[in-house]
Amino acid sequence: MAKLIYPINISLDGYMEDERGNIEWTISDDEVFAFWTDFHRPIGTYLYGRRMYESMVYWETASAKKGDQPEVMREFA
């Protein structure tokens, strides 16, 4: 039987966005970014709504070249 892993990013008041519709508040330091990379590593399929997909689509084409971005971000990409 397959496992269903359902992570959800929301603020304590139940919203993902701030009052202006931005999600910049979710930007993490390297340690937190590495934790989430390891958490997501075994996941094979993601199901996003339109707006979350638009936020995450960057990672589909993120450069993996050394020097373009920090190691934790290259690892995630």
C-alpha atoms as a PDB file:
ATOM      1  CA  MET A   1       0.000   0.000   0.000  1.00  0.00           C
ATOM      2  CA  ALA A   2       1.313   3.481  -0.880  1.00  0.00           C
ATOM      3  CA  LYS A   3       1.749   6.251   1.679  1.00  0.00           C
ATOM      4  CA  LEU A   4      -0.027   9.570   1.307  1.00  0.00           C
ATOM      5  CA  ILE A   5       2.061  12.441   2.675  1.00  0.00           C
ATOM      6  CA  TYR A   6       0.175  15.706   2.894  1.00  0.00           C
ATOM      7  CA  PRO A   7       2.266  18.716   3.898  1.00  0.00           C
ATOM      8  CA  ILE A   8       0.570  22.085   3.935  1.00  0.00           C
ATOM      9  CA  ASN A   9       2.101  25.507   4.394  1.00  0.00           C
ATOM     10  CA  ILE A  10      -0.169  27.939   6.169  1.00  0.00           C
ATOM     11  CA  SER A  11       0.213  30.668   8.711  1.00  0.00           C
ATOM     12  CA  LEU A  12      -1.317  30.336  12.168  1.00  0.00           C
ATOM     13  CA  ASP A  13      -4.396  32.215  11.003  1.00  0.00           C
ATOM     14  CA  GLY A  14      -4.989  29.640   8.247  1.00  0.00           C
ATOM     15  CA  TYR A  15      -3.645  31.508   5.234  1.00  0.00           C
ATOM     16  CA  MET A  16      -0.691  30.952   2.925  1.00  0.00           C
ATOM     17  CA  GLU A  17      -0.503  34.554   1.711  1.00  0.00           C
ATOM     18  CA  ASP A  18      -0.017  37.815   3.528  1.00  0.00           C
ATOM     19  CA  GLU A  19      -2.571  40.637   3.305  1.00  0.00           C
ATOM     20  CA  ARG A  20      -1.160  41.675  -0.123  1.00  0.00           C
ATOM     21  CA  GLY A  21      -1.332  38.157  -1.583  1.00  0.00           C
ATOM     22  CA  ASN A  22       2.432  37.566  -1.303  1.00  0.00           C
ATOM     23  CA  ILE A  23       4.196  34.467   0.024  1.00  0.00           C
ATOM     24  CA  GLU A  24       7.620  36.016   0.635  1.00  0.00           C
ATOM     25  CA  TRP A  25       7.154  35.439   4.363  1.00  0.00           C
ATOM     26  CA  THR A  26       7.768  31.725   3.672  1.00  0.00           C
ATOM     27  CA  ILE A  27      11.399  32.202   2.589  1.00  0.00           C
ATOM     28  CA  SER A  28      13.595  30.005   4.789  1.00  0.00           C
ATOM     29  CA  ASP A  29      17.202  30.028   5.931  1.00  0.00           C
ATOM     30  CA  ASP A  30      19.569  27.291   4.704  1.00  0.00           C
ATOM     31  CA  GLU A  31      18.861  24.921   7.607  1.00  0.00           C
ATOM     32  CA  VAL A  32      15.076  25.032   7.179  1.00  0.00           C
ATOM     33  CA  PHE A  33      15.425  24.827   3.387  1.00  0.00           C
ATOM     34  CA  ALA A  34      17.604  21.690   3.762  1.00  0.00           C
ATOM     35  CA  PHE A  35      15.048  20.128   6.143  1.00  0.00           C
ATOM     36  CA  TRP A  36      12.235  20.567   3.621  1.00  0.00           C
ATOM     37  CA  THR A  37      14.411  19.270   0.796  1.00  0.00           C
ATOM     38  CA  ASP A  38      15.026  16.074   2.763  1.00  0.00           C
ATOM     39  CA  PHE A  39      11.343  15.851   3.681  1.00  0.00           C
ATOM     40  CA  HIS A  40      10.268  16.092   0.024  1.00  0.00           C
ATOM     41  CA  ARG A  41      13.007  13.821  -1.374  1.00  0.00           C
ATOM     42  CA  PRO A  42      10.964  10.558  -1.330  1.00  0.00           C
ATOM     43  CA  ILE A  43       7.834  12.166  -2.807  1.00  0.00           C
ATOM     44  CA  GLY A  44       7.218  11.158  -6.418  1.00  0.00           C
ATOM     45  CA  THR A  45       4.117  13.177  -7.285  1.00  0.00           C
ATOM     46  CA  TYR A  46       2.915  16.622  -6.270  1.00  0.00           C
ATOM     47  CA  LEU A  47      -0.607  17.945  -6.599  1.00  0.00           C
ATOM     48  CA  TYR A  48      -0.826  21.745  -6.595  1.00  0.00           C
ATOM     49  CA  GLY A  49      -3.589  24.225  -7.144  1.00  0.00           C
ATOM     50  CA  ARG A  50      -3.051  26.855  -9.839  1.00  0.00           C
ATOM     51  CA  ARG A  51      -1.560  29.556  -7.631  1.00  0.00           C
ATOM     52  CA  MET A  52       0.790  27.233  -5.758  1.00  0.00           C
ATOM     53  CA  TYR A  53       1.909  25.725  -9.066  1.00  0.00           C
ATOM     54  CA  GLU A  54       2.636  29.218 -10.370  1.00  0.00           C
ATOM     55  CA  SER A  55       4.772  29.812  -7.277  1.00  0.00           C
ATOM     56  CA  MET A  56       6.642  26.503  -7.578  1.00  0.00           C
ATOM     57  CA  VAL A  57       7.106  26.358 -11.370  1.00  0.00           C
ATOM     58  CA  TYR A  58      10.427  28.170 -10.987  1.00  0.00           C
ATOM     59  CA  TRP A  59      11.973  24.951  -9.677  1.00  0.00           C
ATOM     60  CA  GLU A  60      11.173  23.056 -12.893  1.00  0.00           C
ATOM     61  CA  THR A  61      13.748  25.136 -14.757  1.00  0.00           C
ATOM     62  CA  ALA A  62      16.026  26.336 -11.948  1.00  0.00           C
ATOM     63  CA  SER A  63      19.650  26.241 -12.974  1.00  0.00           C
ATOM     64  CA  ALA A  64      21.659  23.464 -11.374  1.00  0.00           C
ATOM     65  CA  LYS A  65      25.032  25.019 -12.291  1.00  0.00           C
ATOM     66  CA  LYS A  66      27.455  25.556  -9.440  1.00  0.00           C
ATOM     67  CA  GLY A  67      27.714  29.185  -8.454  1.00  0.00           C
ATOM     68  CA  ASP A  68      24.282  30.214  -9.737  1.00  0.00           C
ATOM     69  CA  GLN A  69      22.644  29.626  -6.381  1.00  0.00           C
ATOM     70  CA  PRO A  70      23.495  28.232  -2.938  1.00  0.00           C
ATOM     71  CA  GLU A  71      24.064  24.468  -2.594  1.00  0.00           C
ATOM     72  CA  VAL A  72      20.814  23.972  -0.607  1.00  0.00           C
ATOM     73  CA  MET A  73      18.824  25.491  -3.480  1.00  0.00           C
ATOM     74  CA  ARG A  74      20.637  23.439  -6.135  1.00  0.00           C
ATOM     75  CA  GLU A  75      19.909  20.344  -4.080  1.00  0.00           C
ATOM     76  CA  PHE A  76      16.205  21.205  -3.980  1.00  0.00           C
ATOM     77  CA  ALA A  77      16.096  21.958  -7.717  1.00  0.00           C
END
